[in-house]
N, C-alpha and C. Protein backbone atom coordinates (compact mmCIF):
# COMPACT_ATOMS: atom_id res chain seq x y z
N MET A 1 -63.54 -221.13 78.31
CA MET A 1 -61.88 -220.08 78.99
C MET A 1 -63.15 -219.35 80.36
N ASN A 2 -61.42 -219.95 81.56
CA ASN A 2 -62.19 -220.12 82.77
C ASN A 2 -61.88 -218.77 83.03
N THR A 3 -62.59 -218.14 84.06
CA THR A 3 -62.74 -216.82 84.64
C THR A 3 -61.35 -216.95 85.92
N PRO A 4 -60.80 -216.26 86.03
CA PRO A 4 -59.97 -216.62 87.17
C PRO A 4 -60.92 -216.03 88.67
N SER A 5 -60.38 -217.31 89.70
CA SER A 5 -61.36 -216.50 90.73
C SER A 5 -60.51 -216.09 91.81
N THR A 6 -61.18 -214.90 92.76
CA THR A 6 -60.41 -214.73 94.08
C THR A 6 -60.68 -215.63 95.02
N THR A 7 -59.84 -215.80 95.71
CA THR A 7 -60.23 -216.29 97.25
C THR A 7 -60.93 -215.67 98.41
N SER A 8 -60.86 -214.13 98.86
CA SER A 8 -62.58 -213.18 98.44
C SER A 8 -63.23 -212.82 98.13
N GLY A 9 -63.44 -212.88 96.92
CA GLY A 9 -64.62 -213.28 96.55
C GLY A 9 -65.33 -212.30 95.94
N GLU A 10 -63.92 -210.82 95.46
CA GLU A 10 -64.11 -209.88 94.75
C GLU A 10 -63.58 -210.85 93.35
N LYS A 11 -64.36 -209.37 92.19
CA LYS A 11 -64.66 -209.97 91.42
C LYS A 11 -63.42 -209.47 90.52
N PRO A 12 -62.33 -209.95 89.74
CA PRO A 12 -61.63 -209.88 89.21
C PRO A 12 -61.04 -208.75 88.06
N LEU A 13 -60.09 -208.18 87.51
CA LEU A 13 -60.13 -206.61 87.42
C LEU A 13 -60.05 -207.19 86.30
N ASN A 14 -60.98 -206.59 85.10
CA ASN A 14 -60.26 -206.56 83.54
C ASN A 14 -59.67 -205.39 82.97
N VAL A 15 -58.82 -205.70 82.68
CA VAL A 15 -57.58 -204.67 81.70
C VAL A 15 -57.83 -204.70 80.14
N ARG A 16 -57.80 -203.56 79.86
CA ARG A 16 -58.20 -203.03 78.27
C ARG A 16 -57.16 -202.20 77.91
N ARG A 17 -56.02 -202.93 76.94
CA ARG A 17 -55.15 -202.56 76.70
C ARG A 17 -54.79 -201.95 75.01
N GLY A 18 -54.96 -201.23 75.16
CA GLY A 18 -54.41 -200.91 73.77
C GLY A 18 -53.56 -200.00 73.08
N ARG A 19 -52.52 -200.75 72.49
CA ARG A 19 -51.57 -200.96 71.74
C ARG A 19 -50.42 -199.06 71.52
N VAL A 20 -49.36 -199.54 72.41
CA VAL A 20 -48.30 -197.68 71.48
C VAL A 20 -47.26 -198.21 71.07
N GLU A 21 -46.38 -197.83 70.48
CA GLU A 21 -45.49 -197.85 69.54
C GLU A 21 -43.63 -198.70 70.72
N SER A 22 -43.83 -197.07 71.14
CA SER A 22 -43.01 -197.64 72.32
C SER A 22 -43.57 -197.30 74.12
N VAL A 23 -43.03 -197.29 74.89
CA VAL A 23 -43.01 -196.11 76.13
C VAL A 23 -41.90 -195.98 76.40
N ASP A 24 -41.62 -195.16 77.22
CA ASP A 24 -40.31 -194.42 77.95
C ASP A 24 -40.56 -194.07 79.23
N LEU A 25 -39.19 -195.38 79.80
CA LEU A 25 -39.55 -196.13 81.65
C LEU A 25 -37.95 -194.59 81.59
N TYR A 26 -38.79 -193.72 82.64
CA TYR A 26 -37.53 -192.98 83.83
C TYR A 26 -36.84 -193.76 84.56
N GLU A 27 -36.18 -193.71 85.09
CA GLU A 27 -35.46 -193.79 86.76
C GLU A 27 -35.65 -192.55 87.17
N VAL A 28 -36.56 -192.27 88.34
CA VAL A 28 -36.24 -191.15 89.48
C VAL A 28 -35.19 -191.87 90.83
N LYS A 29 -34.27 -190.88 90.89
CA LYS A 29 -33.78 -191.06 92.36
C LYS A 29 -34.55 -189.93 93.37
N ASP A 30 -34.44 -190.71 94.61
CA ASP A 30 -34.89 -190.24 95.59
C ASP A 30 -34.99 -188.98 95.93
N SER A 31 -33.94 -188.05 95.16
CA SER A 31 -34.23 -186.32 96.26
C SER A 31 -34.51 -185.68 94.95
N GLU A 32 -34.65 -186.34 93.53
CA GLU A 32 -35.33 -185.53 92.32
C GLU A 32 -36.33 -185.83 92.80
N LEU A 33 -37.37 -186.79 92.97
CA LEU A 33 -39.18 -187.58 93.80
C LEU A 33 -39.22 -186.74 94.54
N ASP A 34 -38.59 -186.08 95.89
CA ASP A 34 -38.55 -185.34 96.98
C ASP A 34 -38.15 -183.46 96.28
N LEU A 35 -37.35 -183.17 95.32
CA LEU A 35 -37.94 -182.04 94.56
C LEU A 35 -39.04 -181.51 94.18
N LEU A 36 -39.49 -182.51 92.93
CA LEU A 36 -40.50 -182.33 92.11
C LEU A 36 -42.00 -182.01 93.39
N GLU A 37 -41.83 -183.04 94.37
CA GLU A 37 -43.08 -183.09 95.41
C GLU A 37 -43.38 -182.33 96.14
N LYS A 38 -42.63 -181.60 96.78
CA LYS A 38 -42.16 -180.32 97.26
C LYS A 38 -42.50 -179.52 96.59
N GLY A 39 -41.79 -179.38 95.39
CA GLY A 39 -42.04 -178.21 94.50
C GLY A 39 -41.09 -177.41 95.10
N SER A 40 -40.26 -176.68 94.37
CA SER A 40 -38.94 -175.61 94.48
C SER A 40 -39.01 -174.76 95.55
N PRO A 41 -38.69 -173.70 96.55
CA PRO A 41 -38.67 -173.08 97.11
C PRO A 41 -39.03 -171.31 97.23
N ALA A 42 -38.49 -171.57 95.66
CA ALA A 42 -38.65 -170.35 95.14
C ALA A 42 -39.61 -170.23 94.44
N THR A 43 -40.92 -171.20 94.59
CA THR A 43 -42.05 -170.14 93.98
C THR A 43 -42.84 -169.64 95.53
N LEU A 44 -42.47 -170.43 96.66
CA LEU A 44 -42.63 -169.43 97.70
C LEU A 44 -42.56 -167.80 97.39
N GLN A 45 -41.64 -167.34 97.30
CA GLN A 45 -40.57 -166.54 97.05
C GLN A 45 -41.86 -165.70 95.95
N LEU A 46 -42.20 -166.49 94.63
CA LEU A 46 -42.54 -165.63 93.56
C LEU A 46 -44.36 -165.08 95.03
N ASN A 47 -44.93 -165.86 95.12
CA ASN A 47 -45.98 -166.09 95.77
C ASN A 47 -45.95 -164.87 95.98
N PHE A 48 -45.25 -164.71 98.02
CA PHE A 48 -44.73 -163.41 98.34
C PHE A 48 -44.72 -162.29 98.00
N ALA A 49 -43.57 -161.76 96.41
CA ALA A 49 -43.36 -161.25 95.85
C ALA A 49 -44.17 -160.59 95.44
N VAL A 50 -45.78 -161.02 94.57
CA VAL A 50 -46.33 -160.50 93.74
C VAL A 50 -47.27 -160.28 95.18
N PHE A 51 -47.75 -160.75 96.20
CA PHE A 51 -48.58 -160.38 97.27
C PHE A 51 -48.21 -158.74 97.29
N LEU A 52 -46.72 -158.90 97.99
CA LEU A 52 -45.93 -157.62 98.10
C LEU A 52 -46.28 -156.42 97.53
N LEU A 53 -45.86 -156.32 96.11
CA LEU A 53 -45.56 -155.55 94.96
C LEU A 53 -48.05 -155.07 94.78
N SER A 54 -48.65 -157.00 94.84
CA SER A 54 -49.60 -155.84 94.42
C SER A 54 -50.42 -155.18 95.76
N ILE A 55 -49.94 -154.79 96.90
CA ILE A 55 -50.41 -154.64 98.19
C ILE A 55 -49.71 -152.95 98.43
N ALA A 56 -48.68 -152.76 97.36
CA ALA A 56 -47.62 -151.70 97.21
C ALA A 56 -48.54 -151.11 96.00
N PHE A 57 -48.66 -151.43 94.76
CA PHE A 57 -48.82 -151.03 93.74
C PHE A 57 -50.63 -150.49 93.98
N THR A 58 -51.17 -150.72 95.54
CA THR A 58 -52.97 -150.65 95.89
C THR A 58 -52.36 -149.12 96.86
N SER A 59 -50.95 -149.30 97.31
CA SER A 59 -51.14 -148.13 97.81
C SER A 59 -51.05 -146.71 97.42
N ILE A 60 -50.52 -146.86 96.48
CA ILE A 60 -49.64 -146.32 95.95
C ILE A 60 -50.92 -144.90 94.72
N ALA A 61 -51.45 -146.13 94.80
CA ALA A 61 -53.09 -145.75 93.87
C ALA A 61 -53.64 -145.70 95.02
N ALA A 62 -53.76 -145.57 95.95
CA ALA A 62 -54.91 -144.57 96.71
C ALA A 62 -53.93 -143.48 97.47
N LEU A 63 -52.92 -143.28 97.75
CA LEU A 63 -51.47 -141.68 97.29
C LEU A 63 -52.29 -140.92 96.49
N CYS A 64 -52.78 -141.69 95.27
CA CYS A 64 -52.29 -140.45 93.91
C CYS A 64 -54.10 -140.02 93.94
N THR A 65 -55.18 -140.87 94.85
CA THR A 65 -56.32 -140.75 94.31
C THR A 65 -57.31 -139.92 96.00
N ALA A 66 -56.49 -140.23 96.20
CA ALA A 66 -56.92 -140.06 98.12
C ALA A 66 -56.64 -138.32 98.63
N THR A 67 -57.22 -137.97 99.55
CA THR A 67 -56.91 -136.82 100.07
C THR A 67 -57.05 -137.06 101.62
N PHE A 68 -55.99 -137.09 102.39
CA PHE A 68 -56.14 -137.17 103.60
C PHE A 68 -55.59 -136.29 104.34
N GLU A 69 -56.72 -136.49 104.96
CA GLU A 69 -57.50 -135.62 106.55
C GLU A 69 -55.81 -135.51 107.65
N TRP A 70 -55.51 -136.34 107.72
CA TRP A 70 -54.21 -136.89 109.14
C TRP A 70 -52.57 -137.01 108.66
N ASP A 71 -52.24 -136.67 108.70
CA ASP A 71 -50.35 -136.85 107.79
C ASP A 71 -50.04 -138.82 108.27
N VAL A 72 -50.30 -138.97 110.05
CA VAL A 72 -50.02 -140.51 109.93
C VAL A 72 -50.47 -141.21 108.25
N SER A 73 -52.06 -141.13 108.62
CA SER A 73 -52.24 -142.07 107.47
C SER A 73 -51.72 -141.78 106.34
N LYS A 74 -51.37 -140.55 105.07
CA LYS A 74 -50.47 -140.63 104.90
C LYS A 74 -49.76 -141.77 104.85
N THR A 75 -48.64 -141.16 105.88
CA THR A 75 -47.22 -141.65 106.07
C THR A 75 -47.45 -143.23 106.09
N VAL A 76 -48.18 -143.64 106.38
CA VAL A 76 -48.99 -145.02 106.96
C VAL A 76 -48.93 -145.66 105.27
N PHE A 77 -49.55 -144.79 104.50
CA PHE A 77 -49.39 -145.68 103.15
C PHE A 77 -48.17 -145.08 102.74
N VAL A 78 -47.29 -144.31 102.54
CA VAL A 78 -45.83 -144.40 101.70
C VAL A 78 -44.97 -145.64 102.74
N PHE A 79 -45.17 -145.73 103.72
CA PHE A 79 -44.28 -147.02 104.14
C PHE A 79 -44.57 -148.26 103.93
N ILE A 80 -45.91 -148.10 103.48
CA ILE A 80 -46.73 -149.51 103.53
C ILE A 80 -45.96 -149.85 101.28
N SER A 81 -46.13 -148.59 101.14
CA SER A 81 -45.44 -148.06 99.48
C SER A 81 -44.28 -148.57 99.33
N VAL A 82 -43.53 -148.26 100.49
CA VAL A 82 -41.80 -148.02 99.75
C VAL A 82 -41.68 -149.65 100.24
N VAL A 83 -42.00 -150.12 101.74
CA VAL A 83 -41.82 -151.77 102.31
C VAL A 83 -42.32 -153.09 101.48
N GLY A 84 -43.33 -152.41 100.38
CA GLY A 84 -43.64 -153.55 99.56
C GLY A 84 -42.81 -153.21 98.57
N ILE A 85 -42.16 -152.34 97.73
CA ILE A 85 -41.77 -152.14 96.82
C ILE A 85 -40.56 -152.92 96.75
N LEU A 86 -39.84 -153.00 98.27
CA LEU A 86 -38.37 -153.11 97.79
C LEU A 86 -39.01 -154.74 98.61
N MET A 87 -39.34 -155.59 99.20
CA MET A 87 -39.16 -156.03 99.46
C MET A 87 -39.83 -157.47 98.61
N GLY A 88 -41.07 -156.93 97.95
CA GLY A 88 -41.51 -157.30 96.66
C GLY A 88 -40.70 -157.45 95.78
N GLY A 89 -39.64 -156.31 95.29
CA GLY A 89 -38.84 -156.75 94.28
C GLY A 89 -37.37 -157.48 94.42
N TYR A 90 -37.06 -157.42 95.71
CA TYR A 90 -36.22 -158.15 96.25
C TYR A 90 -36.72 -159.85 95.96
N LEU A 91 -37.49 -160.21 96.14
CA LEU A 91 -38.16 -161.48 96.71
C LEU A 91 -38.40 -161.76 95.25
N PHE A 92 -38.86 -161.61 94.02
CA PHE A 92 -38.89 -161.17 92.67
C PHE A 92 -37.79 -161.71 92.43
N ILE A 93 -36.60 -160.53 92.48
CA ILE A 93 -35.44 -161.08 91.68
C ILE A 93 -34.94 -162.50 92.57
N SER A 94 -35.28 -162.78 94.39
CA SER A 94 -35.09 -164.41 94.75
C SER A 94 -35.10 -164.98 93.71
N TRP A 95 -36.23 -164.83 93.52
CA TRP A 95 -37.20 -165.98 92.05
C TRP A 95 -36.68 -166.37 91.24
N TRP A 96 -36.26 -165.39 90.89
CA TRP A 96 -35.56 -165.15 89.02
C TRP A 96 -34.12 -165.75 88.98
N ARG A 97 -33.62 -165.75 90.36
CA ARG A 97 -32.01 -166.27 90.06
C ARG A 97 -32.23 -167.61 90.38
N THR A 98 -33.37 -168.04 91.47
CA THR A 98 -33.90 -169.83 91.46
C THR A 98 -34.60 -170.44 90.99
N ARG A 99 -35.20 -169.99 90.07
CA ARG A 99 -36.25 -170.75 89.53
C ARG A 99 -36.76 -171.31 88.58
N SER A 100 -35.24 -172.04 88.75
CA SER A 100 -35.12 -173.13 87.15
C SER A 100 -34.69 -174.35 88.10
N SER A 101 -35.00 -174.74 89.47
CA SER A 101 -33.89 -175.78 89.72
C SER A 101 -35.68 -177.15 89.35
N ILE A 102 -36.66 -177.02 89.78
CA ILE A 102 -37.49 -177.88 88.96
C ILE A 102 -37.39 -178.35 87.32
N SER A 103 -36.37 -177.25 86.62
CA SER A 103 -37.21 -178.12 85.26
C SER A 103 -35.81 -178.48 84.90
N ALA A 104 -34.86 -178.28 85.69
CA ALA A 104 -33.67 -178.54 85.40
C ALA A 104 -33.57 -180.04 85.73
N THR A 105 -34.25 -180.28 86.99
CA THR A 105 -34.19 -181.53 87.55
C THR A 105 -35.14 -182.73 86.81
N VAL A 106 -36.36 -181.81 85.81
CA VAL A 106 -36.83 -182.32 84.75
C VAL A 106 -35.67 -182.78 83.82
N ASP A 107 -35.49 -181.80 83.37
CA ASP A 107 -34.07 -181.69 82.03
C ASP A 107 -33.32 -183.28 82.03
N VAL A 108 -32.82 -183.13 83.78
CA VAL A 108 -31.57 -183.99 83.68
C VAL A 108 -32.54 -185.96 83.63
N ILE A 109 -33.73 -185.56 83.99
CA ILE A 109 -34.09 -186.97 83.96
C ILE A 109 -34.23 -187.36 82.31
N ARG A 110 -34.54 -186.47 81.78
CA ARG A 110 -35.42 -186.77 80.38
C ARG A 110 -33.79 -187.18 79.76
N ASN A 111 -33.24 -186.56 80.12
CA ASN A 111 -31.75 -186.38 79.29
C ASN A 111 -31.00 -187.75 79.51
N ARG A 112 -32.01 -188.59 80.32
CA ARG A 112 -31.19 -190.06 80.75
C ARG A 112 -31.79 -191.16 79.02
N ILE A 113 -32.56 -190.34 79.29
CA ILE A 113 -33.33 -191.61 78.11
C ILE A 113 -32.28 -190.98 76.73
N THR A 114 -32.35 -189.57 76.39
CA THR A 114 -31.68 -189.61 75.27
C THR A 114 -30.04 -189.85 74.58
N LYS A 115 -29.85 -189.56 76.48
CA LYS A 115 -28.37 -190.40 75.60
C LYS A 115 -28.48 -191.34 75.59
N LEU A 116 -28.73 -192.42 75.89
CA LEU A 116 -29.71 -193.75 75.91
C LEU A 116 -29.97 -193.47 74.12
N ALA A 117 -30.76 -193.09 74.06
CA ALA A 117 -31.08 -193.17 72.26
C ALA A 117 -30.02 -193.08 71.94
N ASP A 118 -29.00 -191.84 72.05
CA ASP A 118 -28.13 -191.40 70.92
C ASP A 118 -26.95 -192.83 70.55
N GLU A 119 -26.38 -193.02 71.68
CA GLU A 119 -25.98 -194.35 71.85
C GLU A 119 -26.29 -195.35 71.11
N SER A 120 -27.54 -195.44 70.39
CA SER A 120 -27.92 -196.76 69.91
C SER A 120 -27.78 -196.10 68.84
N LYS A 121 -28.15 -195.28 68.54
CA LYS A 121 -27.97 -194.35 66.75
C LYS A 121 -26.72 -194.59 66.93
N ASP A 122 -25.28 -194.60 67.14
CA ASP A 122 -24.74 -194.26 66.63
C ASP A 122 -23.64 -195.90 67.12
N GLY A 123 -24.88 -196.71 67.12
CA GLY A 123 -23.99 -198.12 66.85
C GLY A 123 -23.26 -198.80 68.21
N THR A 124 -23.50 -197.90 69.18
CA THR A 124 -22.54 -198.33 70.35
C THR A 124 -23.81 -199.10 71.13
N PRO A 125 -23.54 -200.44 72.03
CA PRO A 125 -24.48 -200.77 72.60
C PRO A 125 -24.89 -199.58 73.63
N SER A 126 -26.41 -200.08 74.25
CA SER A 126 -27.09 -198.92 75.15
C SER A 126 -27.23 -200.48 76.40
N THR A 127 -27.18 -199.20 77.09
CA THR A 127 -27.37 -200.05 78.67
C THR A 127 -27.97 -199.37 79.50
N THR A 128 -28.94 -200.27 80.27
CA THR A 128 -30.21 -199.34 81.04
C THR A 128 -29.47 -198.76 82.91
N ARG A 129 -27.99 -199.05 82.65
CA ARG A 129 -27.45 -198.31 83.77
C ARG A 129 -26.04 -197.95 83.19
N PRO A 130 -25.50 -196.91 83.67
CA PRO A 130 -24.29 -196.59 82.75
C PRO A 130 -22.74 -197.04 83.45
N GLU A 131 -21.92 -197.70 82.79
CA GLU A 131 -21.08 -198.23 82.74
C GLU A 131 -20.07 -197.86 83.68
N LYS A 132 -19.59 -198.58 85.14
CA LYS A 132 -18.91 -197.49 85.74
C LYS A 132 -17.41 -197.81 84.67
N ASP A 133 -16.38 -197.40 85.38
CA ASP A 133 -15.26 -197.28 84.64
C ASP A 133 -14.52 -198.25 85.57
N ASN A 134 -13.28 -199.12 84.70
CA ASN A 134 -13.23 -200.66 85.37
C ASN A 134 -11.44 -200.18 85.72
N GLN A 135 -11.32 -199.00 86.33
CA GLN A 135 -9.74 -198.31 87.21
C GLN A 135 -9.71 -199.13 88.50
N PRO A 136 -8.80 -199.45 88.89
CA PRO A 136 -8.39 -200.26 90.42
C PRO A 136 -8.21 -198.57 91.44
N SER A 137 -9.66 -199.36 92.00
CA SER A 137 -9.68 -198.19 93.82
C SER A 137 -8.56 -198.09 94.55
N ASP A 138 -7.62 -196.93 94.44
CA ASP A 138 -6.55 -196.82 95.32
C ASP A 138 -7.01 -197.06 96.79
């Protein structure tokens, strides 16, 4: 058996393969890939919400347990508590409403194969590309 030789003098790559029953290949659009790569913008909202809420609850704990000599320091802690709870709550609610963009995109990608598998079980021919309507364009 001849071993393949390369012109650059590098050793050939040995590939070991283990058989599997099937391999699912998903086609992904550029926009979907960009969303998966960058992540959802809602994750940044969650990060800031957690930060602001933890600062707010820490200052509430300080208000409950400390004695303040100056009213200004007590006012600063109250201000931090109120702003932290309001902004953290707003960001948390905003994250909650928009959190599903990545999981929805993944579901769309996965459903492409599910639709094809359902068509093949029904006996209708499955294609790798969706069929276009053969209606004349105006």
